[in-house]
Every structure is written in C-alpha cells, then in structure tokens.
Amino acid sequence: MKNLILILLLILTITNCDKTKETPLLLPAAEPSARLHNSQGIEYSNKGKYLEALIQFTQASVADSTTGEIYFNLGLMQHLKGNHEKAKNFFKQARHFADGNKKILESKLIKKHLEP
C-alpha cells in the first residue's frame, strides 16, 4: 500500500511540473481592439483552449505592441503548450514593457524561464 501511495505521489509530481498557477493578465489601458482580443484570449485560456487564446493574444499584440501584459499572456500560452523557448522570448518582451507591473516583474514563471 505504501508503494502505491509513493507511485501516485510521483506521478502527480511529474504531471504537475509544468503547471502554473499564474493566469493571463487583463489590460489596464490599451488600444480598444487590443483589449477586446486580450479579453477573448483570457476567455479561451480559462476554457483550456490555448491555441485559440494564443491567436487572440497575437492579434492583441498586433494592435498594441508595447504592452507587457500582452507579451506575458503570449509567453504563458507558449509555456502551457510546452514551447519554452518561445515563452522565454515573450517573457523577455513582457519584462521590457512591464511599465512597473509587479505581476510581471515578480512573476515566478518569468523568473523560471529567464533566471538561471
């Protein structure tokens, strides 16, 4: 029985290694169509539809390419899809355009990707 419990704990640990408790960020102020696409991306993300969310966040970035929250959301979707190199690049942009946003600057997920 102890072995079964240990095996289950190991499996849970392995399957949750890439999970994150961080969620997509809202846009406090941005171009209206960027806010619309970002909101739609958040809705898709909440439903676990990461590809659709990625498309919406990409459209948001086309409308407003200087908002850290959008790049954070793009990085988060790439992370959830397992594309860690792409996530890293988006997280770099998120930090660059963070404009003091503590959710970006203190993100454990960003630190995991960008700091050794």
PDB file of N, CA and C in Angstrom:
ATOM      1  N   MET A   1       0.826  -1.199   0.000  1.00  0.00           N
ATOM      2  CA  MET A   1       0.000   0.000   0.000  1.00  0.00           C
ATOM      3  C   MET A   1       0.868   1.259   0.000  1.00  0.00           C
ATOM      4  N   LYS A   2       1.966   1.233   0.782  1.00  0.00           N
ATOM      5  CA  LYS A   2       2.873   2.379   0.818  1.00  0.00           C
ATOM      6  C   LYS A   2       3.482   2.638  -0.557  1.00  0.00           C
ATOM      7  N   ASN A   3       3.840   1.562  -1.245  1.00  0.00           N
ATOM      8  CA  ASN A   3       4.423   1.707  -2.583  1.00  0.00           C
ATOM      9  C   ASN A   3       3.433   2.335  -3.553  1.00  0.00           C
ATOM     10  N   LEU A   4       2.181   1.952  -3.452  1.00  0.00           N
ATOM     11  CA  LEU A   4       1.158   2.511  -4.322  1.00  0.00           C
ATOM     12  C   LEU A   4       1.010   4.012  -4.075  1.00  0.00           C
ATOM     13  N   ILE A   5       1.009   4.408  -2.834  1.00  0.00           N
ATOM     14  CA  ILE A   5       0.901   5.823  -2.487  1.00  0.00           C
ATOM     15  C   ILE A   5       2.116   6.588  -3.006  1.00  0.00           C
ATOM     16  N   LEU A   6       3.299   6.026  -2.846  1.00  0.00           N
ATOM     17  CA  LEU A   6       4.511   6.678  -3.350  1.00  0.00           C
ATOM     18  C   LEU A   6       4.483   6.827  -4.869  1.00  0.00           C
ATOM     19  N   ILE A   7       4.032   5.802  -5.546  1.00  0.00           N
ATOM     20  CA  ILE A   7       3.938   5.852  -7.005  1.00  0.00           C
ATOM     21  C   ILE A   7       2.941   6.928  -7.434  1.00  0.00           C
ATOM     22  N   LEU A   8       1.796   6.992  -6.765  1.00  0.00           N
ATOM     23  CA  LEU A   8       0.803   8.020  -7.094  1.00  0.00           C
ATOM     24  C   LEU A   8       1.346   9.423  -6.852  1.00  0.00           C
ATOM     25  N   LEU A   9       2.057   9.623  -5.764  1.00  0.00           N
ATOM     26  CA  LEU A   9       2.659  10.929  -5.484  1.00  0.00           C
ATOM     27  C   LEU A   9       3.688  11.300  -6.544  1.00  0.00           C
ATOM     28  N   LEU A  10       4.480  10.342  -6.962  1.00  0.00           N
ATOM     29  CA  LEU A  10       5.475  10.580  -8.002  1.00  0.00           C
ATOM     30  C   LEU A  10       4.796  10.969  -9.309  1.00  0.00           C
ATOM     31  N   ILE A  11       3.762  10.260  -9.676  1.00  0.00           N
ATOM     32  CA  ILE A  11       3.034  10.561 -10.911  1.00  0.00           C
ATOM     33  C   ILE A  11       2.426  11.956 -10.839  1.00  0.00           C
ATOM     34  N   LEU A  12       1.822  12.301  -9.720  1.00  0.00           N
ATOM     35  CA  LEU A  12       1.240  13.635  -9.565  1.00  0.00           C
ATOM     36  C   LEU A  12       2.298  14.717  -9.653  1.00  0.00           C
ATOM     37  N   THR A  13       3.455  14.473  -9.080  1.00  0.00           N
ATOM     38  CA  THR A  13       4.545  15.442  -9.124  1.00  0.00           C
ATOM     39  C   THR A  13       5.027  15.634 -10.557  1.00  0.00           C
ATOM     40  N   ILE A  14       5.221  14.551 -11.264  1.00  0.00           N
ATOM     41  CA  ILE A  14       5.705  14.626 -12.637  1.00  0.00           C
ATOM     42  C   ILE A  14       4.689  15.319 -13.541  1.00  0.00           C
ATOM     43  N   THR A  15       3.422  14.998 -13.415  1.00  0.00           N
ATOM     44  CA  THR A  15       2.424  15.576 -14.314  1.00  0.00           C
ATOM     45  C   THR A  15       2.132  17.036 -13.998  1.00  0.00           C
ATOM     46  N   ASN A  16       2.466  17.492 -12.811  1.00  0.00           N
ATOM     47  CA  ASN A  16       2.210  18.877 -12.453  1.00  0.00           C
ATOM     48  C   ASN A  16       3.439  19.761 -12.542  1.00  0.00           C
ATOM     49  N   CYS A  17       4.551  19.250 -13.025  1.00  0.00           N
ATOM     50  CA  CYS A  17       5.779  20.032 -13.097  1.00  0.00           C
ATOM     51  C   CYS A  17       5.633  21.266 -13.962  1.00  0.00           C
ATOM     52  N   ASP A  18       4.918  21.171 -15.059  1.00  0.00           N
ATOM     53  CA  ASP A  18       4.815  22.285 -15.981  1.00  0.00           C
ATOM     54  C   ASP A  18       3.570  23.122 -15.762  1.00  0.00           C
ATOM     55  N   LYS A  19       2.782  22.816 -14.766  1.00  0.00           N
ATOM     56  CA  LYS A  19       1.580  23.590 -14.485  1.00  0.00           C
ATOM     57  C   LYS A  19       1.976  24.883 -13.801  1.00  0.00           C
ATOM     58  N   THR A  20       1.137  25.873 -13.927  1.00  0.00           N
ATOM     59  CA  THR A  20       1.390  27.146 -13.279  1.00  0.00           C
ATOM     60  C   THR A  20       0.091  27.666 -12.691  1.00  0.00           C
ATOM     61  N   LYS A  21       0.221  28.379 -11.626  1.00  0.00           N
ATOM     62  CA  LYS A  21      -0.954  28.994 -11.023  1.00  0.00           C
ATOM     63  C   LYS A  21      -1.161  30.399 -11.579  1.00  0.00           C
ATOM     64  N   GLU A  22      -0.245  30.854 -12.413  1.00  0.00           N
ATOM     65  CA  GLU A  22      -0.377  32.186 -12.976  1.00  0.00           C
ATOM     66  C   GLU A  22      -1.404  32.160 -14.095  1.00  0.00           C
ATOM     67  N   THR A  23      -2.118  33.233 -14.198  1.00  0.00           N
ATOM     68  CA  THR A  23      -3.192  33.334 -15.186  1.00  0.00           C
ATOM     69  C   THR A  23      -2.947  34.544 -16.086  1.00  0.00           C
ATOM     70  N   PRO A  24      -3.601  34.581 -17.242  1.00  0.00           N
ATOM     71  CA  PRO A  24      -3.428  35.729 -18.139  1.00  0.00           C
ATOM     72  C   PRO A  24      -3.819  37.038 -17.451  1.00  0.00           C
ATOM     73  N   LEU A  25      -3.163  38.083 -17.888  1.00  0.00           N
ATOM     74  CA  LEU A  25      -3.375  39.399 -17.296  1.00  0.00           C
ATOM     75  C   LEU A  25      -4.337  40.244 -18.120  1.00  0.00           C
ATOM     76  N   LEU A  26      -5.137  41.013 -17.425  1.00  0.00           N
ATOM     77  CA  LEU A  26      -6.006  41.996 -18.071  1.00  0.00           C
ATOM     78  C   LEU A  26      -5.177  43.181 -18.522  1.00  0.00           C
ATOM     79  N   LEU A  27      -5.698  43.926 -19.471  1.00  0.00           N
ATOM     80  CA  LEU A  27      -5.023  45.142 -19.918  1.00  0.00           C
ATOM     81  C   LEU A  27      -5.640  46.341 -19.210  1.00  0.00           C
ATOM     82  N   PRO A  28      -4.847  47.048 -18.425  1.00  0.00           N
ATOM     83  CA  PRO A  28      -5.387  48.208 -17.714  1.00  0.00           C
ATOM     84  C   PRO A  28      -5.745  49.345 -18.673  1.00  0.00           C
ATOM     85  N   ALA A  29      -4.884  49.590 -19.626  1.00  0.00           N
ATOM     86  CA  ALA A  29      -5.143  50.642 -20.611  1.00  0.00           C
ATOM     87  C   ALA A  29      -4.419  50.239 -21.887  1.00  0.00           C
ATOM     88  N   ALA A  30      -5.156  50.176 -22.951  1.00  0.00           N
ATOM     89  CA  ALA A  30      -4.557  49.793 -24.233  1.00  0.00           C
ATOM     90  C   ALA A  30      -5.518  50.187 -25.340  1.00  0.00           C
ATOM     91  N   GLU A  31      -5.056  50.036 -26.536  1.00  0.00           N
ATOM     92  CA  GLU A  31      -5.884  50.303 -27.711  1.00  0.00           C
ATOM     93  C   GLU A  31      -7.113  49.404 -27.615  1.00  0.00           C
ATOM     94  N   PRO A  32      -8.319  49.918 -27.928  1.00  0.00           N
ATOM     95  CA  PRO A  32      -9.566  49.156 -27.734  1.00  0.00           C
ATOM     96  C   PRO A  32      -9.578  47.760 -28.367  1.00  0.00           C
ATOM     97  N   SER A  33      -9.085  47.616 -29.591  1.00  0.00           N
ATOM     98  CA  SER A  33      -9.131  46.279 -30.190  1.00  0.00           C
ATOM     99  C   SER A  33      -8.134  45.344 -29.495  1.00  0.00           C
ATOM    100  N   ALA A  34      -7.051  45.886 -28.966  1.00  0.00           N
ATOM    101  CA  ALA A  34      -6.115  45.060 -28.204  1.00  0.00           C
ATOM    102  C   ALA A  34      -6.798  44.549 -26.943  1.00  0.00           C
ATOM    103  N   ARG A  35      -7.543  45.407 -26.265  1.00  0.00           N
ATOM    104  CA  ARG A  35      -8.267  44.978 -25.057  1.00  0.00           C
ATOM    105  C   ARG A  35      -9.295  43.910 -25.390  1.00  0.00           C
ATOM    106  N   LEU A  36      -9.991  44.084 -26.522  1.00  0.00           N
ATOM    107  CA  LEU A  36     -11.005  43.107 -26.931  1.00  0.00           C
ATOM    108  C   LEU A  36     -10.366  41.741 -27.193  1.00  0.00           C
ATOM    109  N   HIS A  37      -9.300  41.717 -27.989  1.00  0.00           N
ATOM    110  CA  HIS A  37      -8.629  40.439 -28.298  1.00  0.00           C
ATOM    111  C   HIS A  37      -8.028  39.830 -27.038  1.00  0.00           C
ATOM    112  N   ASN A  38      -7.475  40.661 -26.162  1.00  0.00           N
ATOM    113  CA  ASN A  38      -6.904  40.150 -24.915  1.00  0.00           C
ATOM    114  C   ASN A  38      -7.993  39.499 -24.058  1.00  0.00           C
ATOM    115  N   SER A  39      -9.144  40.161 -23.949  1.00  0.00           N
ATOM    116  CA  SER A  39     -10.250  39.599 -23.160  1.00  0.00           C
ATOM    117  C   SER A  39     -10.728  38.279 -23.737  1.00  0.00           C
ATOM    118  N   GLN A  40     -10.813  38.207 -25.062  1.00  0.00           N
ATOM    119  CA  GLN A  40     -11.221  36.951 -25.703  1.00  0.00           C
ATOM    120  C   GLN A  40     -10.173  35.863 -25.463  1.00  0.00           C
ATOM    121  N   GLY A  41      -8.898  36.254 -25.489  1.00  0.00           N
ATOM    122  CA  GLY A  41      -7.824  35.297 -25.209  1.00  0.00           C
ATOM    123  C   GLY A  41      -7.919  34.751 -23.801  1.00  0.00           C
ATOM    124  N   ILE A  42      -8.258  35.610 -22.850  1.00  0.00           N
ATOM    125  CA  ILE A  42      -8.418  35.163 -21.464  1.00  0.00           C
ATOM    126  C   ILE A  42      -9.562  34.168 -21.357  1.00  0.00           C
ATOM    127  N   GLU A  43     -10.661  34.447 -22.051  1.00  0.00           N
ATOM    128  CA  GLU A  43     -11.802  33.520 -22.032  1.00  0.00           C
ATOM    129  C   GLU A  43     -11.404  32.152 -22.575  1.00  0.00           C
ATOM    130  N   TYR A  44     -10.689  32.138 -23.695  1.00  0.00           N
ATOM    131  CA  TYR A  44     -10.239  30.862 -24.264  1.00  0.00           C
ATOM    132  C   TYR A  44      -9.275  30.152 -23.306  1.00  0.00           C
ATOM    133  N   SER A  45      -8.370  30.894 -22.723  1.00  0.00           N
ATOM    134  CA  SER A  45      -7.410  30.300 -21.800  1.00  0.00           C
ATOM    135  C   SER A  45      -8.115  29.660 -20.613  1.00  0.00           C
ATOM    136  N   ASN A  46      -9.108  30.341 -20.081  1.00  0.00           N
ATOM    137  CA  ASN A  46      -9.860  29.803 -18.936  1.00  0.00           C
ATOM    138  C   ASN A  46     -10.579  28.504 -19.279  1.00  0.00           C
ATOM    139  N   LYS A  47     -10.856  28.303 -20.563  1.00  0.00           N
ATOM    140  CA  LYS A  47     -11.508  27.075 -21.022  1.00  0.00           C
ATOM    141  C   LYS A  47     -10.493  26.008 -21.434  1.00  0.00           C
ATOM    142  N   GLY A  48      -9.195  26.331 -21.304  1.00  0.00           N
ATOM    143  CA  GLY A  48      -8.153  25.383 -21.687  1.00  0.00           C
ATOM    144  C   GLY A  48      -7.895  25.327 -23.184  1.00  0.00           C
ATOM    145  N   LYS A  49      -8.412  26.286 -23.927  1.00  0.00           N
ATOM    146  CA  LYS A  49      -8.218  26.348 -25.382  1.00  0.00           C
ATOM    147  C   LYS A  49      -7.030  27.270 -25.672  1.00  0.00           C
ATOM    148  N   TYR A  50      -5.827  26.730 -25.460  1.00  0.00           N
ATOM    149  CA  TYR A  50      -4.624  27.548 -25.503  1.00  0.00           C
ATOM    150  C   TYR A  50      -4.256  28.030 -26.902  1.00  0.00           C
ATOM    151  N   LEU A  51      -4.518  27.227 -27.929  1.00  0.00           N
ATOM    152  CA  LEU A  51      -4.224  27.669 -29.294  1.00  0.00           C
ATOM    153  C   LEU A  51      -5.109  28.858 -29.660  1.00  0.00           C
ATOM    154  N   GLU A  52      -6.404  28.767 -29.361  1.00  0.00           N
ATOM    155  CA  GLU A  52      -7.314  29.871 -29.653  1.00  0.00           C
ATOM    156  C   GLU A  52      -6.927  31.113 -28.847  1.00  0.00           C
ATOM    157  N   ALA A  53      -6.526  30.902 -27.592  1.00  0.00           N
ATOM    158  CA  ALA A  53      -6.080  32.021 -26.752  1.00  0.00           C
ATOM    159  C   ALA A  53      -4.828  32.650 -27.349  1.00  0.00           C
ATOM    160  N   LEU A  54      -3.912  31.823 -27.807  1.00  0.00           N
ATOM    161  CA  LEU A  54      -2.675  32.314 -28.414  1.00  0.00           C
ATOM    162  C   LEU A  54      -2.976  33.176 -29.641  1.00  0.00           C
ATOM    163  N   ILE A  55      -3.935  32.748 -30.434  1.00  0.00           N
ATOM    164  CA  ILE A  55      -4.325  33.528 -31.622  1.00  0.00           C
ATOM    165  C   ILE A  55      -4.867  34.893 -31.200  1.00  0.00           C
ATOM    166  N   GLN A  56      -5.725  34.918 -30.191  1.00  0.00           N
ATOM    167  CA  GLN A  56      -6.296  36.187 -29.726  1.00  0.00           C
ATOM    168  C   GLN A  56      -5.215  37.105 -29.141  1.00  0.00           C
ATOM    169  N   PHE A  57      -4.314  36.542 -28.348  1.00  0.00           N
ATOM    170  CA  PHE A  57      -3.244  37.359 -27.768  1.00  0.00           C
ATOM    171  C   PHE A  57      -2.313  37.883 -28.859  1.00  0.00           C
ATOM    172  N   THR A  58      -2.101  37.081 -29.896  1.00  0.00           N
ATOM    173  CA  THR A  58      -1.276  37.537 -31.021  1.00  0.00           C
ATOM    174  C   THR A  58      -1.953  38.712 -31.715  1.00  0.00           C
ATOM    175  N   GLN A  59      -3.253  38.620 -31.920  1.00  0.00           N
ATOM    176  CA  GLN A  59      -3.976  39.734 -32.531  1.00  0.00           C
ATOM    177  C   GLN A  59      -3.923  40.974 -31.633  1.00  0.00           C
ATOM    178  N   ALA A  60      -3.966  40.781 -30.334  1.00  0.00           N
ATOM    179  CA  ALA A  60      -3.841  41.904 -29.399  1.00  0.00           C
ATOM    180  C   ALA A  60      -2.473  42.560 -29.546  1.00  0.00           C
ATOM    181  N   SER A  61      -1.445  41.752 -29.736  1.00  0.00           N
ATOM    182  CA  SER A  61      -0.088  42.306 -29.870  1.00  0.00           C
ATOM    183  C   SER A  61       0.090  43.067 -31.176  1.00  0.00           C
ATOM    184  N   VAL A  62      -0.661  42.685 -32.198  1.00  0.00           N
ATOM    185  CA  VAL A  62      -0.617  43.434 -33.461  1.00  0.00           C
ATOM    186  C   VAL A  62      -1.241  44.810 -33.258  1.00  0.00           C
ATOM    187  N   ALA A  63      -2.319  44.863 -32.505  1.00  0.00           N
ATOM    188  CA  ALA A  63      -2.998  46.135 -32.244  1.00  0.00           C
ATOM    189  C   ALA A  63      -2.210  47.025 -31.295  1.00  0.00           C
ATOM    190  N   ASP A  64      -1.464  46.412 -30.363  1.00  0.00           N
ATOM    191  CA  ASP A  64      -0.687  47.179 -29.389  1.00  0.00           C
ATOM    192  C   ASP A  64       0.573  46.393 -29.059  1.00  0.00           C
ATOM    193  N   SER A  65       1.680  46.800 -29.637  1.00  0.00           N
ATOM    194  CA  SER A  65       2.922  46.022 -29.499  1.00  0.00           C
ATOM    195  C   SER A  65       3.821  46.516 -28.372  1.00  0.00           C
ATOM    196  N   THR A  66       3.305  47.351 -27.489  1.00  0.00           N
ATOM    197  CA  THR A  66       4.141  47.892 -26.414  1.00  0.00           C
ATOM    198  C   THR A  66       3.542  47.657 -25.028  1.00  0.00           C
ATOM    199  N   THR A  67       2.756  46.610 -24.888  1.00  0.00           N
ATOM    200  CA  THR A  67       2.099  46.335 -23.615  1.00  0.00           C
ATOM    201  C   THR A  67       2.627  45.029 -23.028  1.00  0.00           C
ATOM    202  N   GLY A  68       3.232  45.132 -21.860  1.00  0.00           N
ATOM    203  CA  GLY A  68       3.837  43.975 -21.209  1.00  0.00           C
ATOM    204  C   GLY A  68       2.864  42.863 -20.913  1.00  0.00           C
ATOM    205  N   GLU A  69       1.631  43.221 -20.565  1.00  0.00           N
ATOM    206  CA  GLU A  69       0.638  42.202 -20.232  1.00  0.00           C
ATOM    207  C   GLU A  69       0.346  41.282 -21.414  1.00  0.00           C
ATOM    208  N   ILE A  70       0.324  41.848 -22.606  1.00  0.00           N
ATOM    209  CA  ILE A  70       0.073  41.022 -23.803  1.00  0.00           C
ATOM    210  C   ILE A  70       1.215  40.028 -23.999  1.00  0.00           C
ATOM    211  N   TYR A  71       2.447  40.505 -23.861  1.00  0.00           N
ATOM    212  CA  TYR A  71       3.588  39.604 -24.025  1.00  0.00           C
ATOM    213  C   TYR A  71       3.621  38.552 -22.920  1.00  0.00           C
ATOM    214  N   PHE A  72       3.222  38.938 -21.709  1.00  0.00           N
ATOM    215  CA  PHE A  72       3.128  37.941 -20.639  1.00  0.00           C
ATOM    216  C   PHE A  72       2.125  36.857 -21.020  1.00  0.00           C
ATOM    217  N   ASN A  73       0.967  37.270 -21.523  1.00  0.00           N
ATOM    218  CA  ASN A  73      -0.073  36.314 -21.902  1.00  0.00           C
ATOM    219  C   ASN A  73       0.402  35.402 -23.030  1.00  0.00           C
ATOM    220  N   LEU A  74       1.112  35.965 -23.996  1.00  0.00           N
ATOM    221  CA  LEU A  74       1.664  35.143 -25.077  1.00  0.00           C
ATOM    222  C   LEU A  74       2.674  34.133 -24.521  1.00  0.00           C
ATOM    223  N   GLY A  75       3.532  34.597 -23.624  1.00  0.00           N
ATOM    224  CA  GLY A  75       4.508  33.700 -23.011  1.00  0.00           C
ATOM    225  C   GLY A  75       3.850  32.599 -22.199  1.00  0.00           C
ATOM    226  N   LEU A  76       2.812  32.966 -21.474  1.00  0.00           N
ATOM    227  CA  LEU A  76       2.088  31.981 -20.670  1.00  0.00           C
ATOM    228  C   LEU A  76       1.476  30.896 -21.557  1.00  0.00           C
ATOM    229  N   MET A  77       0.871  31.293 -22.666  1.00  0.00           N
ATOM    230  CA  MET A  77       0.268  30.298 -23.569  1.00  0.00           C
ATOM    231  C   MET A  77       1.341  29.395 -24.163  1.00  0.00           C
ATOM    232  N   GLN A  78       2.468  29.972 -24.552  1.00  0.00           N
ATOM    233  CA  GLN A  78       3.554  29.143 -25.100  1.00  0.00           C
ATOM    234  C   GLN A  78       4.073  28.186 -24.026  1.00  0.00           C
ATOM    235  N   HIS A  79       4.175  28.666 -22.805  1.00  0.00           N
ATOM    236  CA  HIS A  79       4.601  27.800 -21.699  1.00  0.00           C
ATOM    237  C   HIS A  79       3.625  26.633 -21.526  1.00  0.00           C
ATOM    238  N   LEU A  80       2.340  26.944 -21.512  1.00  0.00           N
ATOM    239  CA  LEU A  80       1.330  25.900 -21.317  1.00  0.00           C
ATOM    240  C   LEU A  80       1.301  24.907 -22.476  1.00  0.00           C
ATOM    241  N   LYS A  81       1.696  25.351 -23.670  1.00  0.00           N
ATOM    242  CA  LYS A  81       1.754  24.460 -24.826  1.00  0.00           C
ATOM    243  C   LYS A  81       3.085  23.689 -24.885  1.00  0.00           C
ATOM    244  N   GLY A  82       4.005  24.005 -23.965  1.00  0.00           N
ATOM    245  CA  GLY A  82       5.282  23.304 -23.935  1.00  0.00           C
ATOM    246  C   GLY A  82       6.348  23.919 -24.818  1.00  0.00           C
ATOM    247  N   ASN A  83       6.106  25.096 -25.364  1.00  0.00           N
ATOM    248  CA  ASN A  83       7.072  25.785 -26.228  1.00  0.00           C
ATOM    249  C   ASN A  83       7.893  26.758 -25.375  1.00  0.00           C
ATOM    250  N   HIS A  84       8.837  26.227 -24.631  1.00  0.00           N
ATOM    251  CA  HIS A  84       9.528  27.030 -23.621  1.00  0.00           C
ATOM    252  C   HIS A  84      10.479  28.068 -24.205  1.00  0.00           C
ATOM    253  N   GLU A  85      11.075  27.807 -25.338  1.00  0.00           N
ATOM    254  CA  GLU A  85      11.963  28.805 -25.943  1.00  0.00           C
ATOM    255  C   GLU A  85      11.149  30.015 -26.423  1.00  0.00           C
ATOM    256  N   LYS A  86      10.002  29.753 -27.028  1.00  0.00           N
ATOM    257  CA  LYS A  86       9.122  30.855 -27.441  1.00  0.00           C
ATOM    258  C   LYS A  86       8.597  31.604 -26.223  1.00  0.00           C
ATOM    259  N   ALA A  87       8.266  30.873 -25.179  1.00  0.00           N
ATOM    260  CA  ALA A  87       7.797  31.501 -23.939  1.00  0.00           C
ATOM    261  C   ALA A  87       8.869  32.439 -23.403  1.00  0.00           C
ATOM    262  N   LYS A  88      10.088  31.973 -23.394  1.00  0.00           N
ATOM    263  CA  LYS A  88      11.204  32.781 -22.887  1.00  0.00           C
ATOM    264  C   LYS A  88      11.308  34.105 -23.648  1.00  0.00           C
ATOM    265  N   ASN A  89      11.194  34.056 -24.964  1.00  0.00           N
ATOM    266  CA  ASN A  89      11.282  35.269 -25.772  1.00  0.00           C
ATOM    267  C   ASN A  89      10.145  36.238 -25.448  1.00  0.00           C
ATOM    268  N   PHE A  90       8.938  35.715 -25.292  1.00  0.00           N
ATOM    269  CA  PHE A  90       7.812  36.584 -24.938  1.00  0.00           C
ATOM    270  C   PHE A  90       7.974  37.153 -23.528  1.00  0.00           C
ATOM    271  N   PHE A  91       8.484  36.350 -22.614  1.00  0.00           N
ATOM    272  CA  PHE A  91       8.674  36.843 -21.252  1.00  0.00           C
ATOM    273  C   PHE A  91       9.728  37.952 -21.199  1.00  0.00           C
ATOM    274  N   LYS A  92      10.737  37.869 -22.058  1.00  0.00           N
ATOM    275  CA  LYS A  92      11.719  38.967 -22.153  1.00  0.00           C
ATOM    276  C   LYS A  92      11.024  40.256 -22.562  1.00  0.00           C
ATOM    277  N   GLN A  93      10.151  40.146 -23.558  1.00  0.00           N
ATOM    278  CA  GLN A  93       9.402  41.323 -24.017  1.00  0.00           C
ATOM    279  C   GLN A  93       8.461  41.832 -22.921  1.00  0.00           C
ATOM    280  N   ALA A  94       7.849  40.910 -22.192  1.00  0.00           N
ATOM    281  CA  ALA A  94       6.947  41.305 -21.107  1.00  0.00           C
ATOM    282  C   ALA A  94       7.696  42.137 -20.073  1.00  0.00           C
ATOM    283  N   ARG A  95       8.872  41.692 -19.701  1.00  0.00           N
ATOM    284  CA  ARG A  95       9.679  42.461 -18.734  1.00  0.00           C
ATOM    285  C   ARG A  95      10.052  43.821 -19.305  1.00  0.00           C
ATOM    286  N   HIS A  96      10.434  43.832 -20.574  1.00  0.00           N
ATOM    287  CA  HIS A  96      10.847  45.083 -21.214  1.00  0.00           C
ATOM    288  C   HIS A  96       9.717  46.120 -21.184  1.00  0.00           C
ATOM    289  N   PHE A  97       8.499  45.672 -21.437  1.00  0.00           N
ATOM    290  CA  PHE A  97       7.354  46.575 -21.499  1.00  0.00           C
ATOM    291  C   PHE A  97       6.489  46.531 -20.224  1.00  0.00           C
ATOM    292  N   ALA A  98       7.027  46.027 -19.129  1.00  0.00           N
ATOM    293  CA  ALA A  98       6.243  45.833 -17.902  1.00  0.00           C
ATOM    294  C   ALA A  98       5.698  47.140 -17.327  1.00  0.00           C
ATOM    295  N   ASP A  99       6.388  48.227 -17.519  1.00  0.00           N
ATOM    296  CA  ASP A  99       5.943  49.540 -17.037  1.00  0.00           C
ATOM    297  C   ASP A  99       5.563  49.494 -15.552  1.00  0.00           C
ATOM    298  N   GLY A 100       6.401  48.800 -14.768  1.00  0.00           N
ATOM    299  CA  GLY A 100       6.190  48.740 -13.324  1.00  0.00           C
ATOM    300  C   GLY A 100       5.181  47.721 -12.838  1.00  0.00           C
ATOM    301  N   ASN A 101       4.597  46.939 -13.722  1.00  0.00           N
ATOM    302  CA  ASN A 101       3.597  45.942 -13.325  1.00  0.00           C
ATOM    303  C   ASN A 101       4.265  44.844 -12.485  1.00  0.00           C
ATOM    304  N   LYS A 102       3.922  44.801 -11.206  1.00  0.00           N
ATOM    305  CA  LYS A 102       4.540  43.838 -10.293  1.00  0.00           C
ATOM    306  C   LYS A 102       4.185  42.399 -10.641  1.00  0.00           C
ATOM    307  N   LYS A 103       3.010  42.178 -11.231  1.00  0.00           N
ATOM    308  CA  LYS A 103       2.638  40.809 -11.603  1.00  0.00           C
ATOM    309  C   LYS A 103       3.605  40.262 -12.649  1.00  0.00           C
ATOM    310  N   ILE A 104       4.121  41.142 -13.472  1.00  0.00           N
ATOM    311  CA  ILE A 104       5.109  40.726 -14.473  1.00  0.00           C
ATOM    312  C   ILE A 104       6.499  40.684 -13.847  1.00  0.00           C
ATOM    313  N   LEU A 105       6.868  41.752 -13.181  1.00  0.00           N
ATOM    314  CA  LEU A 105       8.220  41.876 -12.643  1.00  0.00           C
ATOM    315  C   LEU A 105       8.523  40.851 -11.550  1.00  0.00           C
ATOM    316  N   GLU A 106       7.505  40.394 -10.829  1.00  0.00           N
ATOM    317  CA  GLU A 106       7.715  39.429  -9.748  1.00  0.00           C
ATOM    318  C   GLU A 106       7.190  38.033 -10.088  1.00  0.00           C
ATOM    319  N   SER A 107       6.859  37.803 -11.343  1.00  0.00           N
ATOM    320  CA  SER A 107       6.317  36.517 -11.766  1.00  0.00           C
ATOM    321  C   SER A 107       7.330  35.387 -11.566  1.00  0.00           C
ATOM    322  N   LYS A 108       6.915  34.368 -10.829  1.00  0.00           N
ATOM    323  CA  LYS A 108       7.770  33.197 -10.618  1.00  0.00           C
ATOM    324  C   LYS A 108       7.984  32.452 -11.932  1.00  0.00           C
ATOM    325  N   LEU A 109       6.975  32.449 -12.785  1.00  0.00           N
ATOM    326  CA  LEU A 109       7.079  31.766 -14.067  1.00  0.00           C
ATOM    327  C   LEU A 109       8.124  32.453 -14.957  1.00  0.00           C
ATOM    328  N   ILE A 110       8.090  33.779 -14.992  1.00  0.00           N
ATOM    329  CA  ILE A 110       9.090  34.507 -15.781  1.00  0.00           C
ATOM    330  C   ILE A 110      10.480  34.256 -15.215  1.00  0.00           C
ATOM    331  N   LYS A 111      10.609  34.312 -13.901  1.00  0.00           N
ATOM    332  CA  LYS A 111      11.913  34.051 -13.289  1.00  0.00           C
ATOM    333  C   LYS A 111      12.407  32.653 -13.629  1.00  0.00           C
ATOM    334  N   LYS A 112      11.493  31.691 -13.658  1.00  0.00           N
ATOM    335  CA  LYS A 112      11.865  30.311 -14.001  1.00  0.00           C
ATOM    336  C   LYS A 112      12.440  30.240 -15.407  1.00  0.00           C
ATOM    337  N   HIS A 113      11.879  31.014 -16.321  1.00  0.00           N
ATOM    338  CA  HIS A 113      12.336  30.972 -17.718  1.00  0.00           C
ATOM    339  C   HIS A 113      13.567  31.836 -17.977  1.00  0.00           C
ATOM    340  N   LEU A 114      13.710  32.932 -17.235  1.00  0.00           N
ATOM    341  CA  LEU A 114      14.752  33.887 -17.573  1.00  0.00           C
ATOM    342  C   LEU A 114      15.952  33.899 -16.638  1.00  0.00           C
ATOM    343  N   GLU A 115      15.795  33.389 -15.433  1.00  0.00           N
ATOM    344  CA  GLU A 115      16.908  33.434 -14.490  1.00  0.00           C
ATOM    345  C   GLU A 115      17.450  32.033 -14.252  1.00  0.00           C
ATOM    346  N   PRO A 116      18.780  31.919 -14.270  1.00  0.00           N
ATOM    347  CA  PRO A 116      19.402  30.592 -14.085  1.00  0.00           C
ATOM    348  C   PRO A 116      19.185  30.034 -12.702  1.00  0.00           C
TER     349      PRO A 116
END
